[in-house]
């Protein structure tokens, strides 16, 4: 008798068989781990246990733990972006739009445990330097484009406004101050400082 004969066959997926989209299943498990235990403790073993799959099976779909983490963060960020845009669009002015865009983005990063690990990463100088690359600015520009529905003549200024917006968000995420103690104080600060910095007309008092 062979030494493995009679032993139970190892099943790669322990729950309900192989999912229809194994990569998405693993990424969703990683998101739950990030929310539950944070970035540092989201190990490959933790992701495997949450997925109901062996570590070796995960390697069939991903090369490294970091690859899974990046995709999980991107997925959570994309979903958060939809919520942020929905809130910001409920404003009648360009100033109101951009203020709510930043307030909502700040709140998502601070309160959503699946994407809040990004804040710790951004505190490193190397990561901060990568945030303002042309590719990243071009991606974030999409969120500022609705300003043109209020002020159609500002198209030539949009890249500069996007970079200014990103600098404000990065600073607020990595440096706590009196301005960030509440959403009302943050809104007030942004109307006083961000709106003129972007060259937008102030809302009527």
N, C-alpha and C. Protein backbone atom coordinates (compact mmCIF):
# COMPACT_ATOMS: atom_id res chain seq x y z
N UNK A 1 0.85 -1.19 0.00
CA UNK A 1 0.00 0.00 0.00
C UNK A 1 0.89 1.24 0.00
N UNK A 2 0.61 2.21 -0.89
CA UNK A 2 1.40 3.45 -0.91
C UNK A 2 1.17 4.21 0.37
N UNK A 3 2.16 5.08 0.69
CA UNK A 3 2.08 5.77 1.97
C UNK A 3 0.95 6.78 2.03
N UNK A 4 0.43 7.20 0.86
CA UNK A 4 -0.69 8.15 0.88
C UNK A 4 -2.03 7.47 0.70
N UNK A 5 -2.01 6.17 0.41
CA UNK A 5 -3.28 5.48 0.18
C UNK A 5 -4.08 5.42 1.47
N UNK A 6 -5.36 5.68 1.35
CA UNK A 6 -6.23 5.63 2.51
C UNK A 6 -6.33 6.94 3.25
N UNK A 7 -5.45 7.93 2.92
CA UNK A 7 -5.55 9.24 3.56
C UNK A 7 -6.61 10.06 2.84
N UNK A 8 -7.29 10.97 3.55
CA UNK A 8 -8.31 11.80 2.89
C UNK A 8 -7.66 12.70 1.85
N UNK A 9 -8.32 12.86 0.70
CA UNK A 9 -7.80 13.71 -0.36
C UNK A 9 -7.88 15.17 0.07
N UNK A 10 -6.81 15.92 -0.13
CA UNK A 10 -6.79 17.34 0.24
C UNK A 10 -7.64 18.14 -0.74
N UNK A 11 -8.55 18.92 -0.21
CA UNK A 11 -9.42 19.75 -1.03
C UNK A 11 -8.90 21.17 -1.01
N UNK A 12 -8.65 21.74 -2.20
CA UNK A 12 -8.08 23.09 -2.26
C UNK A 12 -9.02 24.13 -1.65
N UNK A 13 -10.28 24.09 -2.04
CA UNK A 13 -11.27 25.06 -1.53
C UNK A 13 -12.14 24.35 -0.50
N UNK A 14 -12.06 24.82 0.73
CA UNK A 14 -12.69 24.09 1.82
C UNK A 14 -14.19 24.38 1.96
N UNK A 15 -14.65 25.48 1.32
CA UNK A 15 -16.04 25.86 1.49
C UNK A 15 -16.74 25.93 0.13
N UNK A 16 -17.73 25.09 -0.08
CA UNK A 16 -18.62 25.17 -1.24
C UNK A 16 -17.93 24.97 -2.58
N UNK A 17 -16.75 24.41 -2.60
CA UNK A 17 -16.07 24.17 -3.85
C UNK A 17 -15.42 25.41 -4.43
N UNK A 18 -14.80 25.27 -5.60
CA UNK A 18 -14.10 26.37 -6.23
C UNK A 18 -15.09 27.47 -6.62
N UNK A 19 -14.85 28.71 -6.19
CA UNK A 19 -15.76 29.81 -6.55
C UNK A 19 -15.68 30.13 -8.04
N UNK A 20 -16.70 30.80 -8.55
CA UNK A 20 -16.73 31.12 -9.98
C UNK A 20 -15.60 32.06 -10.37
N UNK A 21 -15.18 32.93 -9.44
CA UNK A 21 -14.08 33.85 -9.69
C UNK A 21 -13.11 33.76 -8.51
N UNK A 22 -12.16 32.83 -8.57
CA UNK A 22 -11.26 32.62 -7.42
C UNK A 22 -10.47 33.86 -7.03
N UNK A 23 -10.00 34.63 -8.01
CA UNK A 23 -9.23 35.83 -7.69
C UNK A 23 -10.08 36.83 -6.90
N UNK A 24 -11.31 37.05 -7.35
CA UNK A 24 -12.20 37.98 -6.66
C UNK A 24 -12.51 37.49 -5.25
N UNK A 25 -12.66 36.16 -5.10
CA UNK A 25 -12.93 35.57 -3.80
C UNK A 25 -11.77 35.84 -2.84
N UNK A 26 -10.55 35.69 -3.31
CA UNK A 26 -9.37 35.92 -2.48
C UNK A 26 -9.22 37.40 -2.15
N UNK A 27 -9.46 38.26 -3.13
CA UNK A 27 -9.36 39.71 -2.90
C UNK A 27 -10.39 40.15 -1.86
N UNK A 28 -11.62 39.62 -1.95
CA UNK A 28 -12.65 39.96 -0.97
C UNK A 28 -12.23 39.51 0.43
N UNK A 29 -11.61 38.35 0.52
CA UNK A 29 -11.12 37.86 1.81
C UNK A 29 -10.03 38.78 2.35
N UNK A 30 -9.16 39.25 1.48
CA UNK A 30 -8.10 40.19 1.89
C UNK A 30 -8.71 41.49 2.40
N UNK A 31 -9.76 41.97 1.76
CA UNK A 31 -10.43 43.20 2.21
C UNK A 31 -11.00 43.01 3.61
N UNK A 32 -11.58 41.84 3.86
CA UNK A 32 -12.13 41.58 5.20
C UNK A 32 -11.01 41.53 6.24
N UNK A 33 -9.88 40.96 5.86
CA UNK A 33 -8.73 40.92 6.78
C UNK A 33 -8.22 42.33 7.08
N UNK A 34 -8.10 43.16 6.05
CA UNK A 34 -7.65 44.54 6.24
C UNK A 34 -8.57 45.27 7.20
N UNK A 35 -9.87 45.07 7.02
CA UNK A 35 -10.84 45.74 7.89
C UNK A 35 -10.77 45.23 9.32
N UNK A 36 -10.48 43.94 9.47
CA UNK A 36 -10.51 43.33 10.80
C UNK A 36 -9.22 43.51 11.59
N UNK A 37 -8.07 43.37 10.91
CA UNK A 37 -6.80 43.35 11.65
C UNK A 37 -5.76 44.34 11.15
N UNK A 38 -6.05 45.07 10.07
CA UNK A 38 -5.11 46.05 9.58
C UNK A 38 -4.08 45.49 8.62
N UNK A 39 -3.31 46.39 8.05
CA UNK A 39 -2.37 46.03 7.00
C UNK A 39 -1.27 45.10 7.48
N UNK A 40 -0.63 45.43 8.60
CA UNK A 40 0.52 44.66 9.06
C UNK A 40 0.17 43.22 9.39
N UNK A 41 -1.02 42.99 9.91
CA UNK A 41 -1.41 41.64 10.33
C UNK A 41 -2.17 40.87 9.25
N UNK A 42 -2.35 41.49 8.10
CA UNK A 42 -2.99 40.78 6.99
C UNK A 42 -1.91 39.99 6.25
N UNK A 43 -1.61 38.85 6.77
CA UNK A 43 -0.59 37.98 6.20
C UNK A 43 -1.22 37.07 5.15
N UNK A 44 -0.37 36.38 4.41
CA UNK A 44 -0.87 35.42 3.43
C UNK A 44 -1.65 34.31 4.12
N UNK A 45 -1.18 33.90 5.30
CA UNK A 45 -1.89 32.87 6.06
C UNK A 45 -3.27 33.36 6.47
N UNK A 46 -3.36 34.62 6.92
CA UNK A 46 -4.65 35.17 7.32
C UNK A 46 -5.61 35.22 6.14
N UNK A 47 -5.09 35.61 4.98
CA UNK A 47 -5.93 35.67 3.78
C UNK A 47 -6.38 34.27 3.39
N UNK A 48 -5.47 33.31 3.46
CA UNK A 48 -5.83 31.93 3.13
C UNK A 48 -6.91 31.40 4.06
N UNK A 49 -6.76 31.64 5.35
CA UNK A 49 -7.76 31.17 6.31
C UNK A 49 -9.12 31.81 6.05
N UNK A 50 -9.11 33.13 5.76
CA UNK A 50 -10.36 33.83 5.50
C UNK A 50 -11.00 33.36 4.20
N UNK A 51 -10.15 32.98 3.24
CA UNK A 51 -10.64 32.50 1.94
C UNK A 51 -11.16 31.08 2.01
N UNK A 52 -10.72 30.33 3.04
CA UNK A 52 -11.06 28.92 3.11
C UNK A 52 -10.27 28.11 2.10
N UNK A 53 -8.99 28.48 1.93
CA UNK A 53 -8.17 27.85 0.91
C UNK A 53 -6.73 27.74 1.44
N UNK A 54 -5.95 26.86 0.84
CA UNK A 54 -4.57 26.73 1.26
C UNK A 54 -3.71 27.85 0.70
N UNK A 55 -2.58 28.11 1.38
CA UNK A 55 -1.63 29.10 0.86
C UNK A 55 -1.15 28.72 -0.54
N UNK A 56 -0.90 27.44 -0.75
CA UNK A 56 -0.41 27.00 -2.05
C UNK A 56 -1.43 27.28 -3.15
N UNK A 57 -2.70 27.13 -2.84
CA UNK A 57 -3.73 27.42 -3.84
C UNK A 57 -3.74 28.90 -4.19
N UNK A 58 -3.51 29.76 -3.19
CA UNK A 58 -3.46 31.19 -3.47
C UNK A 58 -2.37 31.50 -4.49
N UNK A 59 -1.25 30.79 -4.40
CA UNK A 59 -0.15 31.03 -5.35
C UNK A 59 -0.51 30.63 -6.78
N UNK A 60 -1.60 29.90 -6.94
CA UNK A 60 -2.07 29.61 -8.30
C UNK A 60 -2.66 30.85 -8.97
N UNK A 61 -3.03 31.85 -8.15
CA UNK A 61 -3.72 33.03 -8.66
C UNK A 61 -2.94 34.33 -8.45
N UNK A 62 -2.06 34.37 -7.47
CA UNK A 62 -1.31 35.57 -7.15
C UNK A 62 0.14 35.19 -6.88
N UNK A 63 1.06 36.07 -7.30
CA UNK A 63 2.48 35.78 -7.10
C UNK A 63 2.93 36.09 -5.68
N UNK A 64 2.36 37.14 -5.06
CA UNK A 64 2.79 37.57 -3.74
C UNK A 64 1.62 38.06 -2.92
N UNK A 65 1.84 38.16 -1.63
CA UNK A 65 0.86 38.76 -0.73
C UNK A 65 0.61 40.21 -1.09
N UNK A 66 1.68 40.93 -1.47
CA UNK A 66 1.53 42.35 -1.80
C UNK A 66 0.63 42.56 -3.01
N UNK A 67 0.68 41.65 -3.96
CA UNK A 67 -0.18 41.76 -5.13
C UNK A 67 -1.65 41.69 -4.72
N UNK A 68 -1.96 40.80 -3.78
CA UNK A 68 -3.34 40.70 -3.29
C UNK A 68 -3.74 41.97 -2.57
N UNK A 69 -2.85 42.48 -1.71
CA UNK A 69 -3.16 43.67 -0.93
C UNK A 69 -3.44 44.85 -1.85
N UNK A 70 -2.59 45.04 -2.86
CA UNK A 70 -2.77 46.16 -3.78
C UNK A 70 -4.13 46.07 -4.47
N UNK A 71 -4.49 44.87 -4.94
CA UNK A 71 -5.77 44.73 -5.63
C UNK A 71 -6.94 44.92 -4.68
N UNK A 72 -6.80 44.47 -3.44
CA UNK A 72 -7.86 44.66 -2.46
C UNK A 72 -8.05 46.14 -2.16
N UNK A 73 -6.94 46.86 -1.97
CA UNK A 73 -7.03 48.30 -1.70
C UNK A 73 -7.61 49.05 -2.90
N UNK A 74 -7.22 48.65 -4.10
CA UNK A 74 -7.76 49.30 -5.29
C UNK A 74 -9.27 49.07 -5.40
N UNK A 75 -9.72 47.86 -5.10
CA UNK A 75 -11.15 47.56 -5.16
C UNK A 75 -11.91 48.39 -4.13
N UNK A 76 -11.41 48.43 -2.90
CA UNK A 76 -12.08 49.20 -1.86
C UNK A 76 -12.07 50.69 -2.20
N UNK A 77 -10.96 51.17 -2.74
CA UNK A 77 -10.86 52.58 -3.10
C UNK A 77 -11.84 52.93 -4.22
N UNK A 78 -12.01 52.03 -5.18
CA UNK A 78 -12.95 52.28 -6.28
C UNK A 78 -14.37 52.38 -5.75
N UNK A 79 -14.73 51.48 -4.83
CA UNK A 79 -16.08 51.53 -4.26
C UNK A 79 -16.27 52.78 -3.41
N UNK A 80 -15.23 53.16 -2.67
CA UNK A 80 -15.31 54.38 -1.88
C UNK A 80 -15.44 55.60 -2.78
N UNK A 81 -14.75 55.58 -3.91
CA UNK A 81 -14.80 56.71 -4.84
C UNK A 81 -16.22 56.95 -5.34
N UNK A 82 -16.95 55.89 -5.60
CA UNK A 82 -18.33 56.05 -6.05
C UNK A 82 -19.17 56.73 -4.98
N UNK A 83 -18.97 56.35 -3.72
CA UNK A 83 -19.73 56.98 -2.63
C UNK A 83 -19.33 58.45 -2.48
N UNK A 84 -18.04 58.73 -2.60
CA UNK A 84 -17.54 60.10 -2.46
C UNK A 84 -18.15 60.99 -3.54
N UNK A 85 -18.12 60.52 -4.78
CA UNK A 85 -18.66 61.30 -5.89
C UNK A 85 -20.15 61.53 -5.73
N UNK A 86 -20.87 60.53 -5.27
CA UNK A 86 -22.32 60.66 -5.10
C UNK A 86 -22.66 61.77 -4.11
N UNK A 87 -21.89 61.83 -3.01
CA UNK A 87 -22.13 62.87 -2.01
C UNK A 87 -21.76 64.24 -2.56
N UNK A 88 -20.61 64.34 -3.21
CA UNK A 88 -20.13 65.63 -3.70
C UNK A 88 -21.06 66.23 -4.76
N UNK A 89 -21.65 65.38 -5.57
CA UNK A 89 -22.50 65.88 -6.66
C UNK A 89 -23.78 66.54 -6.15
N UNK A 90 -24.14 66.33 -4.90
CA UNK A 90 -25.35 66.94 -4.34
C UNK A 90 -25.09 68.37 -3.88
N UNK A 91 -24.39 69.14 -4.71
CA UNK A 91 -24.07 70.52 -4.37
C UNK A 91 -24.36 71.42 -5.56
N UNK A 92 -24.78 72.64 -5.27
CA UNK A 92 -25.21 73.55 -6.32
C UNK A 92 -24.09 74.44 -6.84
N UNK A 93 -22.92 74.40 -6.19
CA UNK A 93 -21.81 75.27 -6.60
C UNK A 93 -20.52 74.49 -6.72
N UNK A 94 -19.57 75.07 -7.46
CA UNK A 94 -18.26 74.44 -7.59
C UNK A 94 -17.56 74.37 -6.24
N UNK A 95 -17.67 75.43 -5.45
CA UNK A 95 -17.05 75.45 -4.14
C UNK A 95 -17.63 74.36 -3.25
N UNK A 96 -18.94 74.25 -3.23
CA UNK A 96 -19.59 73.21 -2.43
C UNK A 96 -19.19 71.83 -2.88
N UNK A 97 -19.08 71.64 -4.22
CA UNK A 97 -18.70 70.34 -4.75
C UNK A 97 -17.32 69.93 -4.26
N UNK A 98 -16.33 70.82 -4.43
CA UNK A 98 -14.96 70.43 -4.12
C UNK A 98 -14.75 70.27 -2.61
N UNK A 99 -15.46 71.07 -1.82
CA UNK A 99 -15.35 70.92 -0.36
C UNK A 99 -15.92 69.58 0.07
N UNK A 100 -17.11 69.22 -0.42
CA UNK A 100 -17.70 67.94 -0.03
C UNK A 100 -16.91 66.77 -0.59
N UNK A 101 -16.29 66.95 -1.76
CA UNK A 101 -15.45 65.90 -2.32
C UNK A 101 -14.31 65.59 -1.36
N UNK A 102 -13.66 66.63 -0.84
CA UNK A 102 -12.53 66.40 0.05
C UNK A 102 -12.99 65.91 1.42
N UNK A 103 -14.07 66.47 1.94
CA UNK A 103 -14.58 66.02 3.24
C UNK A 103 -14.96 64.54 3.17
N UNK A 104 -15.63 64.15 2.10
CA UNK A 104 -16.04 62.75 1.96
C UNK A 104 -14.84 61.83 1.78
N UNK A 105 -13.85 62.27 1.00
CA UNK A 105 -12.64 61.47 0.82
C UNK A 105 -11.90 61.31 2.13
N UNK A 106 -11.77 62.39 2.88
CA UNK A 106 -11.09 62.34 4.18
C UNK A 106 -11.82 61.36 5.11
N UNK A 107 -13.14 61.45 5.15
CA UNK A 107 -13.93 60.57 6.02
C UNK A 107 -13.79 59.11 5.63
N UNK A 108 -13.79 58.83 4.34
CA UNK A 108 -13.64 57.44 3.88
C UNK A 108 -12.28 56.88 4.30
N UNK A 109 -11.23 57.64 4.10
CA UNK A 109 -9.89 57.16 4.46
C UNK A 109 -9.77 56.95 5.96
N UNK A 110 -10.39 57.81 6.74
CA UNK A 110 -10.25 57.72 8.19
C UNK A 110 -11.15 56.65 8.81
N UNK A 111 -12.32 56.44 8.22
CA UNK A 111 -13.33 55.59 8.86
C UNK A 111 -13.48 54.22 8.23
N UNK A 112 -13.02 54.06 7.01
CA UNK A 112 -13.16 52.77 6.33
C UNK A 112 -11.93 51.92 6.64
N UNK A 113 -12.05 50.91 7.49
CA UNK A 113 -10.87 50.15 7.90
C UNK A 113 -10.22 49.37 6.77
N UNK A 114 -10.92 49.19 5.66
CA UNK A 114 -10.33 48.45 4.55
C UNK A 114 -9.39 49.31 3.72
N UNK A 115 -9.52 50.66 3.80
CA UNK A 115 -8.60 51.52 3.04
C UNK A 115 -7.78 52.43 3.95
N UNK A 116 -8.12 52.49 5.23
CA UNK A 116 -7.35 53.35 6.13
C UNK A 116 -5.87 52.97 6.23
N UNK A 117 -5.46 51.70 5.97
CA UNK A 117 -4.02 51.41 5.98
C UNK A 117 -3.21 52.26 5.01
N UNK A 118 -3.88 52.81 4.00
CA UNK A 118 -3.17 53.65 3.04
C UNK A 118 -2.55 54.86 3.74
N UNK A 119 -3.20 55.35 4.80
CA UNK A 119 -2.70 56.54 5.49
C UNK A 119 -1.30 56.28 6.04
N UNK A 120 -1.10 55.13 6.67
CA UNK A 120 0.22 54.81 7.21
C UNK A 120 1.26 54.73 6.11
N UNK A 121 0.87 54.19 4.96
CA UNK A 121 1.80 54.11 3.83
C UNK A 121 2.17 55.51 3.35
N UNK A 122 1.19 56.41 3.31
CA UNK A 122 1.42 57.76 2.80
C UNK A 122 2.33 58.58 3.71
N UNK A 123 2.50 58.15 4.95
CA UNK A 123 3.37 58.89 5.85
C UNK A 123 4.85 58.72 5.50
N UNK A 124 5.18 57.74 4.67
CA UNK A 124 6.56 57.56 4.23
C UNK A 124 6.89 58.51 3.10
N UNK A 125 8.08 59.11 3.12
CA UNK A 125 8.44 60.10 2.09
C UNK A 125 8.44 59.54 0.68
N UNK A 126 8.84 58.29 0.51
CA UNK A 126 8.87 57.69 -0.83
C UNK A 126 7.46 57.58 -1.40
N UNK A 127 6.52 57.12 -0.57
CA UNK A 127 5.14 56.98 -1.02
C UNK A 127 4.53 58.35 -1.32
N UNK A 128 4.83 59.33 -0.48
CA UNK A 128 4.30 60.68 -0.70
C UNK A 128 4.81 61.25 -2.03
N UNK A 129 6.05 60.95 -2.36
CA UNK A 129 6.60 61.44 -3.62
C UNK A 129 5.88 60.82 -4.82
N UNK A 130 5.47 59.56 -4.69
CA UNK A 130 4.81 58.89 -5.81
C UNK A 130 3.38 59.36 -6.02
N UNK A 131 2.78 59.97 -4.98
CA UNK A 131 1.39 60.37 -5.08
C UNK A 131 1.17 61.43 -6.16
N UNK A 132 2.15 62.31 -6.35
CA UNK A 132 1.98 63.43 -7.28
C UNK A 132 2.61 63.17 -8.65
N UNK A 133 2.75 61.93 -9.03
CA UNK A 133 3.25 61.63 -10.37
C UNK A 133 2.17 61.98 -11.40
N UNK A 134 2.57 62.24 -12.64
CA UNK A 134 1.57 62.60 -13.67
C UNK A 134 0.46 61.57 -13.82
N UNK A 135 0.79 60.27 -13.71
CA UNK A 135 -0.24 59.24 -13.86
C UNK A 135 -1.28 59.32 -12.75
N UNK A 136 -0.84 59.55 -11.50
CA UNK A 136 -1.77 59.63 -10.39
C UNK A 136 -2.61 60.90 -10.50
N UNK A 137 -1.97 62.00 -10.85
CA UNK A 137 -2.72 63.25 -11.02
C UNK A 137 -3.78 63.09 -12.11
N UNK A 138 -3.44 62.41 -13.19
CA UNK A 138 -4.40 62.19 -14.26
C UNK A 138 -5.59 61.35 -13.79
N UNK A 139 -5.33 60.38 -12.90
CA UNK A 139 -6.42 59.56 -12.36
C UNK A 139 -7.34 60.38 -11.46
N UNK A 140 -6.74 61.18 -10.59
CA UNK A 140 -7.54 61.97 -9.65
C UNK A 140 -8.28 63.10 -10.38
N UNK A 141 -7.74 63.54 -11.49
CA UNK A 141 -8.38 64.60 -12.28
C UNK A 141 -9.83 64.28 -12.58
N UNK A 142 -10.12 63.01 -12.76
CA UNK A 142 -11.50 62.56 -13.03
C UNK A 142 -12.47 63.07 -11.96
N UNK A 143 -12.01 63.13 -10.71
CA UNK A 143 -12.89 63.55 -9.62
C UNK A 143 -13.11 65.06 -9.61
N UNK A 144 -12.21 65.80 -10.22
CA UNK A 144 -12.35 67.26 -10.28
C UNK A 144 -13.07 67.72 -11.55
N UNK A 145 -13.21 66.86 -12.52
CA UNK A 145 -13.83 67.25 -13.78
C UNK A 145 -15.26 67.79 -13.64
N UNK A 146 -16.07 67.30 -12.68
CA UNK A 146 -17.41 67.88 -12.53
C UNK A 146 -17.41 69.39 -12.23
N UNK A 147 -16.28 69.94 -11.80
CA UNK A 147 -16.19 71.39 -11.61
C UNK A 147 -16.56 72.11 -12.91
N UNK A 148 -16.25 71.48 -14.06
CA UNK A 148 -16.51 72.12 -15.34
C UNK A 148 -18.01 72.23 -15.63
N UNK A 149 -18.82 71.43 -14.95
CA UNK A 149 -20.27 71.58 -15.13
C UNK A 149 -20.78 72.84 -14.45
N UNK A 150 -20.03 73.33 -13.46
CA UNK A 150 -20.36 74.60 -12.80
C UNK A 150 -19.65 75.77 -13.48
N UNK A 151 -18.39 75.53 -13.87
CA UNK A 151 -17.54 76.59 -14.43
C UNK A 151 -16.87 76.06 -15.69
N UNK A 152 -17.56 76.08 -16.81
CA UNK A 152 -17.05 75.46 -18.04
C UNK A 152 -15.74 76.06 -18.54
N UNK A 153 -15.41 77.27 -18.12
CA UNK A 153 -14.22 77.93 -18.63
C UNK A 153 -12.95 77.56 -17.88
N UNK A 154 -13.02 76.64 -16.92
CA UNK A 154 -11.86 76.32 -16.10
C UNK A 154 -11.08 75.09 -16.57
N UNK A 155 -11.35 74.61 -17.75
CA UNK A 155 -10.70 73.39 -18.23
C UNK A 155 -9.19 73.48 -18.25
N UNK A 156 -8.64 74.62 -18.64
CA UNK A 156 -7.19 74.77 -18.73
C UNK A 156 -6.52 74.77 -17.36
N UNK A 157 -7.29 74.97 -16.30
CA UNK A 157 -6.75 75.03 -14.94
C UNK A 157 -6.94 73.72 -14.17
N UNK A 158 -7.57 72.74 -14.80
CA UNK A 158 -7.99 71.55 -14.06
C UNK A 158 -6.81 70.74 -13.52
N UNK A 159 -5.75 70.60 -14.28
CA UNK A 159 -4.59 69.84 -13.78
C UNK A 159 -3.99 70.51 -12.54
N UNK A 160 -3.86 71.81 -12.59
CA UNK A 160 -3.30 72.53 -11.44
C UNK A 160 -4.24 72.43 -10.24
N UNK A 161 -5.53 72.52 -10.46
CA UNK A 161 -6.49 72.38 -9.36
C UNK A 161 -6.42 70.97 -8.77
N UNK A 162 -6.24 69.98 -9.64
CA UNK A 162 -6.15 68.60 -9.16
C UNK A 162 -4.94 68.42 -8.26
N UNK A 163 -3.80 68.93 -8.66
CA UNK A 163 -2.61 68.80 -7.82
C UNK A 163 -2.79 69.53 -6.49
N UNK A 164 -3.39 70.71 -6.51
CA UNK A 164 -3.63 71.45 -5.27
C UNK A 164 -4.57 70.67 -4.36
N UNK A 165 -5.63 70.11 -4.93
CA UNK A 165 -6.57 69.28 -4.16
C UNK A 165 -5.84 68.11 -3.51
N UNK A 166 -4.99 67.43 -4.28
CA UNK A 166 -4.26 66.28 -3.76
C UNK A 166 -3.32 66.68 -2.62
N UNK A 167 -2.68 67.81 -2.76
CA UNK A 167 -1.78 68.27 -1.70
C UNK A 167 -2.56 68.54 -0.41
N UNK A 168 -3.72 69.13 -0.53
CA UNK A 168 -4.56 69.37 0.65
C UNK A 168 -4.98 68.05 1.29
N UNK A 169 -5.46 67.12 0.48
CA UNK A 169 -5.93 65.83 1.02
C UNK A 169 -4.78 65.08 1.70
N UNK A 170 -3.63 65.03 1.06
CA UNK A 170 -2.48 64.34 1.62
C UNK A 170 -2.07 64.96 2.96
N UNK A 171 -2.06 66.28 3.02
CA UNK A 171 -1.69 66.96 4.25
C UNK A 171 -2.70 66.68 5.36
N UNK A 172 -3.97 66.74 5.04
CA UNK A 172 -5.01 66.51 6.05
C UNK A 172 -5.00 65.07 6.57
N UNK A 173 -4.70 64.12 5.68
CA UNK A 173 -4.68 62.72 6.09
C UNK A 173 -3.50 62.40 7.00
N UNK A 174 -2.40 63.10 6.83
CA UNK A 174 -1.19 62.73 7.56
C UNK A 174 -0.83 63.69 8.70
N UNK A 175 -1.57 64.80 8.81
CA UNK A 175 -1.33 65.74 9.92
C UNK A 175 -2.66 66.15 10.54
N UNK A 176 -2.89 65.70 11.76
CA UNK A 176 -4.10 66.09 12.48
C UNK A 176 -3.98 67.54 12.94
N UNK A 177 -5.11 68.24 12.97
CA UNK A 177 -5.12 69.62 13.44
C UNK A 177 -6.53 69.97 13.90
N UNK A 178 -6.69 71.19 14.38
CA UNK A 178 -8.01 71.64 14.81
C UNK A 178 -9.00 71.60 13.65
N UNK A 179 -8.49 71.79 12.43
CA UNK A 179 -9.37 71.80 11.26
C UNK A 179 -10.02 70.45 11.00
N UNK A 180 -9.41 69.36 11.48
CA UNK A 180 -9.93 68.03 11.18
C UNK A 180 -10.70 67.41 12.35
N UNK A 181 -10.98 68.18 13.38
CA UNK A 181 -11.64 67.61 14.56
C UNK A 181 -13.09 67.23 14.32
N UNK A 182 -13.72 67.85 13.37
CA UNK A 182 -15.09 67.51 13.02
C UNK A 182 -15.32 67.85 11.55
N UNK A 183 -16.38 67.28 10.99
CA UNK A 183 -16.67 67.58 9.59
C UNK A 183 -17.02 69.05 9.40
N UNK A 184 -17.73 69.63 10.37
CA UNK A 184 -18.08 71.05 10.25
C UNK A 184 -16.85 71.94 10.27
N UNK A 185 -15.91 71.64 11.16
CA UNK A 185 -14.69 72.45 11.21
C UNK A 185 -13.87 72.26 9.94
N UNK A 186 -13.87 71.05 9.40
CA UNK A 186 -13.14 70.79 8.17
C UNK A 186 -13.78 71.54 7.00
N UNK A 187 -15.10 71.51 6.92
CA UNK A 187 -15.79 72.25 5.85
C UNK A 187 -15.48 73.74 5.93
N UNK A 188 -15.56 74.27 7.12
CA UNK A 188 -15.29 75.70 7.30
C UNK A 188 -13.87 76.04 6.85
N UNK A 189 -12.91 75.22 7.26
CA UNK A 189 -11.52 75.43 6.87
C UNK A 189 -11.35 75.39 5.36
N UNK A 190 -11.96 74.39 4.72
CA UNK A 190 -11.81 74.23 3.28
C UNK A 190 -12.45 75.37 2.50
N UNK A 191 -13.58 75.84 2.98
CA UNK A 191 -14.19 77.00 2.31
C UNK A 191 -13.30 78.23 2.43
N UNK A 192 -12.64 78.39 3.57
CA UNK A 192 -11.77 79.55 3.77
C UNK A 192 -10.46 79.44 3.01
N UNK A 193 -9.92 78.21 2.90
CA UNK A 193 -8.55 78.05 2.40
C UNK A 193 -8.48 77.33 1.05
N UNK A 194 -9.15 76.18 0.93
CA UNK A 194 -9.05 75.41 -0.31
C UNK A 194 -9.73 76.12 -1.48
N UNK A 195 -10.93 76.61 -1.25
CA UNK A 195 -11.69 77.23 -2.35
C UNK A 195 -10.92 78.37 -3.01
N UNK A 196 -10.38 79.33 -2.24
CA UNK A 196 -9.58 80.37 -2.91
C UNK A 196 -8.28 79.82 -3.52
N UNK A 197 -7.69 78.79 -2.89
CA UNK A 197 -6.47 78.20 -3.45
C UNK A 197 -6.71 77.60 -4.82
N UNK A 198 -7.93 77.11 -5.06
CA UNK A 198 -8.29 76.53 -6.35
C UNK A 198 -8.77 77.60 -7.33
N UNK A 199 -8.90 78.83 -6.86
CA UNK A 199 -9.36 79.90 -7.72
C UNK A 199 -10.85 79.83 -8.02
N UNK A 200 -11.62 79.23 -7.12
CA UNK A 200 -13.05 79.08 -7.31
C UNK A 200 -13.81 80.22 -6.63
N UNK A 201 -14.93 80.62 -7.17
CA UNK A 201 -15.74 81.64 -6.49
C UNK A 201 -16.30 81.09 -5.18
N UNK A 202 -16.25 81.92 -4.14
CA UNK A 202 -16.75 81.50 -2.84
C UNK A 202 -18.27 81.42 -2.85
N UNK A 203 -18.80 80.53 -2.04
CA UNK A 203 -20.25 80.45 -1.88
C UNK A 203 -20.76 81.69 -1.15
N UNK A 204 -21.98 82.12 -1.45
CA UNK A 204 -22.56 83.24 -0.72
C UNK A 204 -22.66 82.91 0.77
N UNK A 205 -22.38 83.89 1.60
CA UNK A 205 -22.45 83.67 3.06
C UNK A 205 -23.89 83.76 3.50
